[in-house]
Amino acid sequence: MPRKNRRNPEFFEKPEAPPARADAPLWALAPGYDVRHVGGEKEYRCPGCDHVVRPGVWHLVVVPQGEPDERRHWHTECWRREIRRLGGRA
């Protein structure tokens, strides 16, 4: 006797990949810095906690204006803590 509760094949399809880059949240913006929200494909080291930012995890890329070589990948919460530590003048 055939099964009556067949599953919808669309249920098993992989969801679309999220965009590689998005605008940073307003709270993350700081004067003198360009901030982007990204979901990278590589492993990075967060300067805030010195732990790894794993591939595929959404995080923030912070670039001092005029100094692109100083670009750093931050965990979102680490950058939030850094902004608070510097009193909003990151």
Protein backbone atom coordinates (compact mmCIF):
# COMPACT_ATOMS: atom_id res chain seq x y z
CA MET A 1 0.00 0.00 0.00
CA PRO A 2 1.54 3.37 -0.99
CA ARG A 3 2.25 6.07 1.58
CA LYS A 4 -0.39 8.75 1.91
CA ASN A 5 1.80 11.35 3.60
CA ARG A 6 4.27 12.16 0.84
CA ARG A 7 6.58 15.05 1.56
CA ASN A 8 6.68 18.15 -0.55
CA PRO A 9 9.94 18.06 -2.61
CA GLU A 10 10.30 21.85 -2.20
CA PHE A 11 10.83 21.22 1.52
CA PHE A 12 14.21 19.65 0.75
CA GLU A 13 15.52 22.36 -1.57
CA LYS A 14 18.39 24.43 -0.27
CA PRO A 15 17.48 28.03 0.50
CA GLU A 16 19.15 30.73 -1.55
CA ALA A 17 22.49 31.92 -0.23
CA PRO A 18 22.32 35.26 1.57
CA PRO A 19 23.91 38.23 -0.14
CA ALA A 20 27.65 38.53 0.43
CA ARG A 21 27.38 42.11 1.66
CA ALA A 22 24.76 44.34 3.22
CA ASP A 23 24.52 47.77 4.78
CA ALA A 24 25.71 47.92 8.36
CA PRO A 25 23.13 48.60 11.07
CA LEU A 26 22.90 52.26 12.06
CA TRP A 27 24.26 51.60 15.56
CA ALA A 28 27.48 50.18 14.02
CA LEU A 29 28.38 53.29 12.03
CA ALA A 30 31.19 55.37 13.48
CA PRO A 31 32.76 58.64 12.31
CA GLY A 32 35.98 58.04 10.39
CA TYR A 33 35.16 54.39 9.59
CA ASP A 34 33.43 52.57 6.76
CA VAL A 35 31.45 49.65 8.19
CA ARG A 36 29.89 46.81 6.18
CA HIS A 37 27.85 43.79 7.24
CA VAL A 38 29.22 40.68 5.50
CA GLY A 39 28.93 36.91 5.54
CA GLY A 40 32.43 35.89 4.57
CA GLU A 41 33.67 32.63 3.13
CA LYS A 42 37.02 32.71 4.92
CA GLU A 43 38.16 32.51 8.49
CA TYR A 44 39.22 35.79 10.14
CA ARG A 45 40.57 36.78 13.54
CA CYS A 46 38.47 39.34 15.46
CA PRO A 47 40.63 42.09 17.02
CA GLY A 48 38.05 42.60 19.78
CA CYS A 49 38.21 39.14 21.34
CA ASP A 50 41.07 37.48 19.41
CA HIS A 51 38.79 34.57 18.51
CA VAL A 52 38.02 33.25 15.05
CA VAL A 53 35.19 34.64 12.95
CA ARG A 54 34.05 31.41 11.28
CA PRO A 55 33.26 31.17 7.56
CA GLY A 56 29.63 31.93 6.74
CA VAL A 57 28.99 33.87 9.96
CA TRP A 58 27.63 37.38 9.46
CA HIS A 59 30.03 39.92 10.93
CA LEU A 60 31.23 43.50 10.41
CA VAL A 61 34.14 44.68 8.31
CA VAL A 62 35.51 47.95 9.68
CA VAL A 63 37.80 50.06 7.51
CA PRO A 64 39.33 53.33 8.74
CA GLN A 65 38.66 55.95 6.08
CA GLY A 66 41.78 56.53 4.00
CA GLU A 67 43.53 53.42 5.39
CA PRO A 68 42.21 50.38 3.51
CA ASP A 69 45.14 48.24 4.68
CA GLU A 70 43.85 48.57 8.26
CA ARG A 71 40.60 46.71 7.41
CA ARG A 72 39.51 44.36 10.20
CA HIS A 73 36.75 41.76 10.55
CA TRP A 74 34.87 42.10 13.86
CA HIS A 75 32.23 39.96 15.52
CA THR A 76 29.11 42.11 15.68
CA GLU A 77 29.04 42.13 19.49
CA CYS A 78 32.76 42.85 19.74
CA TRP A 79 32.34 45.96 17.55
CA ARG A 80 29.33 47.02 19.67
CA ARG A 81 31.51 46.72 22.78
CA GLU A 82 34.33 48.68 21.11
CA ILE A 83 31.98 51.54 20.22
CA ARG A 84 30.73 51.68 23.83
CA ARG A 85 34.31 51.54 25.16
CA LEU A 86 35.33 54.49 23.02
CA GLY A 87 32.20 56.45 23.96
CA GLY A 88 30.75 56.37 20.46
CA ARG A 89 33.79 58.00 18.88
CA ALA A 90 35.30 54.81 17.45
